[in-house]
Amino acid sequence: MVKYLSSKTSKTDKTSKYPIERKVIHMLGWALLFFIFAVVAGLFGFLGIASALAGIAKILFVVFIVLFIASLILGRRRA
């Protein structure tokens, strides 16, 4: 999770003391999102759009798997 500190420094603002958490959608999340859109489009009868969204979801999932396996093999290299 990515955390950013708030730029406000007011003592009366309680939220400025704590870091603001921003959600980051990773590649697997994008693949799942396109898959869900494809299923919903298919349910409503938009079969052309559904097949395009399913194709995008498949491509993103394959890219995610390739990058995941590469990161497992290579690992993190520290200087």
C-alpha atoms as a PDB file:
ATOM      1  CA  MET A   1       0.000   0.000   0.000  1.00  0.00           C
ATOM      2  CA  VAL A   2       1.291   3.442  -0.883  1.00  0.00           C
ATOM      3  CA  LYS A   3       1.166   6.028   1.901  1.00  0.00           C
ATOM      4  CA  TYR A   4       1.496   9.764   1.508  1.00  0.00           C
ATOM      5  CA  LEU A   5       1.805  12.339   4.245  1.00  0.00           C
ATOM      6  CA  SER A   6      -0.691  15.144   4.358  1.00  0.00           C
ATOM      7  CA  SER A   7       0.611  18.584   3.441  1.00  0.00           C
ATOM      8  CA  LYS A   8      -1.571  20.298   6.045  1.00  0.00           C
ATOM      9  CA  THR A   9       0.178  21.193   9.302  1.00  0.00           C
ATOM     10  CA  SER A  10      -2.720  22.720  11.226  1.00  0.00           C
ATOM     11  CA  LYS A  11      -2.961  21.564  14.848  1.00  0.00           C
ATOM     12  CA  THR A  12      -6.746  21.757  14.779  1.00  0.00           C
ATOM     13  CA  ASP A  13      -7.016  19.346  11.860  1.00  0.00           C
ATOM     14  CA  LYS A  14      -6.769  15.818  13.307  1.00  0.00           C
ATOM     15  CA  THR A  15      -6.403  14.190   9.904  1.00  0.00           C
ATOM     16  CA  SER A  16      -3.131  16.015   9.218  1.00  0.00           C
ATOM     17  CA  LYS A  17      -1.339  13.929  11.867  1.00  0.00           C
ATOM     18  CA  TYR A  18      -1.979  10.663  10.096  1.00  0.00           C
ATOM     19  CA  PRO A  19      -0.794   9.515   6.666  1.00  0.00           C
ATOM     20  CA  ILE A  20      -3.355   9.426   3.891  1.00  0.00           C
ATOM     21  CA  GLU A  21      -3.696   5.991   2.346  1.00  0.00           C
ATOM     22  CA  ARG A  22      -4.339   5.878  -1.376  1.00  0.00           C
ATOM     23  CA  LYS A  23      -5.370   2.640  -2.987  1.00  0.00           C
ATOM     24  CA  VAL A  24      -3.304   1.428  -5.911  1.00  0.00           C
ATOM     25  CA  ILE A  25      -4.943  -0.890  -8.429  1.00  0.00           C
ATOM     26  CA  HIS A  26      -2.412  -3.377  -9.698  1.00  0.00           C
ATOM     27  CA  MET A  27      -2.451  -5.231 -12.989  1.00  0.00           C
ATOM     28  CA  LEU A  28      -4.353  -8.220 -11.605  1.00  0.00           C
ATOM     29  CA  GLY A  29      -7.004  -5.818 -10.351  1.00  0.00           C
ATOM     30  CA  TRP A  30      -7.357  -4.311 -13.820  1.00  0.00           C
ATOM     31  CA  ALA A  31      -7.721  -7.799 -15.315  1.00  0.00           C
ATOM     32  CA  LEU A  32     -10.457  -8.667 -12.811  1.00  0.00           C
ATOM     33  CA  LEU A  33     -12.187  -5.348 -13.469  1.00  0.00           C
ATOM     34  CA  PHE A  34     -12.278  -5.954 -17.241  1.00  0.00           C
ATOM     35  CA  PHE A  35     -13.518  -9.511 -16.611  1.00  0.00           C
ATOM     36  CA  ILE A  36     -16.389  -8.231 -14.462  1.00  0.00           C
ATOM     37  CA  PHE A  37     -17.257  -5.632 -17.113  1.00  0.00           C
ATOM     38  CA  ALA A  38     -17.239  -8.392 -19.740  1.00  0.00           C
ATOM     39  CA  VAL A  39     -19.612 -10.554 -17.693  1.00  0.00           C
ATOM     40  CA  VAL A  40     -21.989  -7.643 -17.086  1.00  0.00           C
ATOM     41  CA  ALA A  41     -21.909  -6.651 -20.771  1.00  0.00           C
ATOM     42  CA  GLY A  42     -22.599 -10.277 -21.721  1.00  0.00           C
ATOM     43  CA  LEU A  43     -25.576 -10.428 -19.366  1.00  0.00           C
ATOM     44  CA  PHE A  44     -27.079  -7.336 -20.958  1.00  0.00           C
ATOM     45  CA  GLY A  45     -26.590  -8.710 -24.465  1.00  0.00           C
ATOM     46  CA  PHE A  46     -23.671  -6.595 -25.639  1.00  0.00           C
ATOM     47  CA  LEU A  47     -21.751  -9.588 -26.941  1.00  0.00           C
ATOM     48  CA  GLY A  48     -19.295  -7.632 -29.108  1.00  0.00           C
ATOM     49  CA  ILE A  49     -18.248  -5.429 -26.211  1.00  0.00           C
ATOM     50  CA  ALA A  50     -18.182  -8.432 -23.884  1.00  0.00           C
ATOM     51  CA  SER A  51     -15.792 -10.350 -26.126  1.00  0.00           C
ATOM     52  CA  ALA A  52     -13.507  -7.309 -26.461  1.00  0.00           C
ATOM     53  CA  LEU A  53     -13.425  -6.789 -22.696  1.00  0.00           C
ATOM     54  CA  ALA A  54     -12.783 -10.487 -22.133  1.00  0.00           C
ATOM     55  CA  GLY A  55      -9.876 -10.318 -24.593  1.00  0.00           C
ATOM     56  CA  ILE A  56      -8.372  -7.348 -22.738  1.00  0.00           C
ATOM     57  CA  ALA A  57      -8.798  -9.195 -19.427  1.00  0.00           C
ATOM     58  CA  LYS A  58      -7.014 -12.254 -20.833  1.00  0.00           C
ATOM     59  CA  ILE A  59      -4.096 -10.180 -22.114  1.00  0.00           C
ATOM     60  CA  LEU A  60      -3.708  -8.327 -18.801  1.00  0.00           C
ATOM     61  CA  PHE A  61      -3.868 -11.603 -16.875  1.00  0.00           C
ATOM     62  CA  VAL A  62      -1.155 -13.197 -19.024  1.00  0.00           C
ATOM     63  CA  VAL A  63       1.060 -10.119 -18.654  1.00  0.00           C
ATOM     64  CA  PHE A  64       0.488 -10.237 -14.886  1.00  0.00           C
ATOM     65  CA  ILE A  65       1.483 -13.921 -14.720  1.00  0.00           C
ATOM     66  CA  VAL A  66       4.628 -13.330 -16.808  1.00  0.00           C
ATOM     67  CA  LEU A  67       5.718 -10.384 -14.650  1.00  0.00           C
ATOM     68  CA  PHE A  68       4.907 -12.279 -11.453  1.00  0.00           C
ATOM     69  CA  ILE A  69       7.010 -15.290 -12.485  1.00  0.00           C
ATOM     70  CA  ALA A  70       9.845 -12.989 -13.586  1.00  0.00           C
ATOM     71  CA  SER A  71       9.793 -11.232 -10.222  1.00  0.00           C
ATOM     72  CA  LEU A  72       9.865 -14.578  -8.412  1.00  0.00           C
ATOM     73  CA  ILE A  73      12.841 -15.788 -10.439  1.00  0.00           C
ATOM     74  CA  LEU A  74      14.854 -12.581 -10.361  1.00  0.00           C
ATOM     75  CA  GLY A  75      13.831 -11.440  -6.902  1.00  0.00           C
ATOM     76  CA  ARG A  76      14.820  -8.097  -5.485  1.00  0.00           C
ATOM     77  CA  ARG A  77      18.412  -7.158  -5.938  1.00  0.00           C
ATOM     78  CA  ARG A  78      19.814  -4.820  -3.335  1.00  0.00           C
ATOM     79  CA  ALA A  79      22.790  -2.600  -4.020  1.00  0.00           C
END
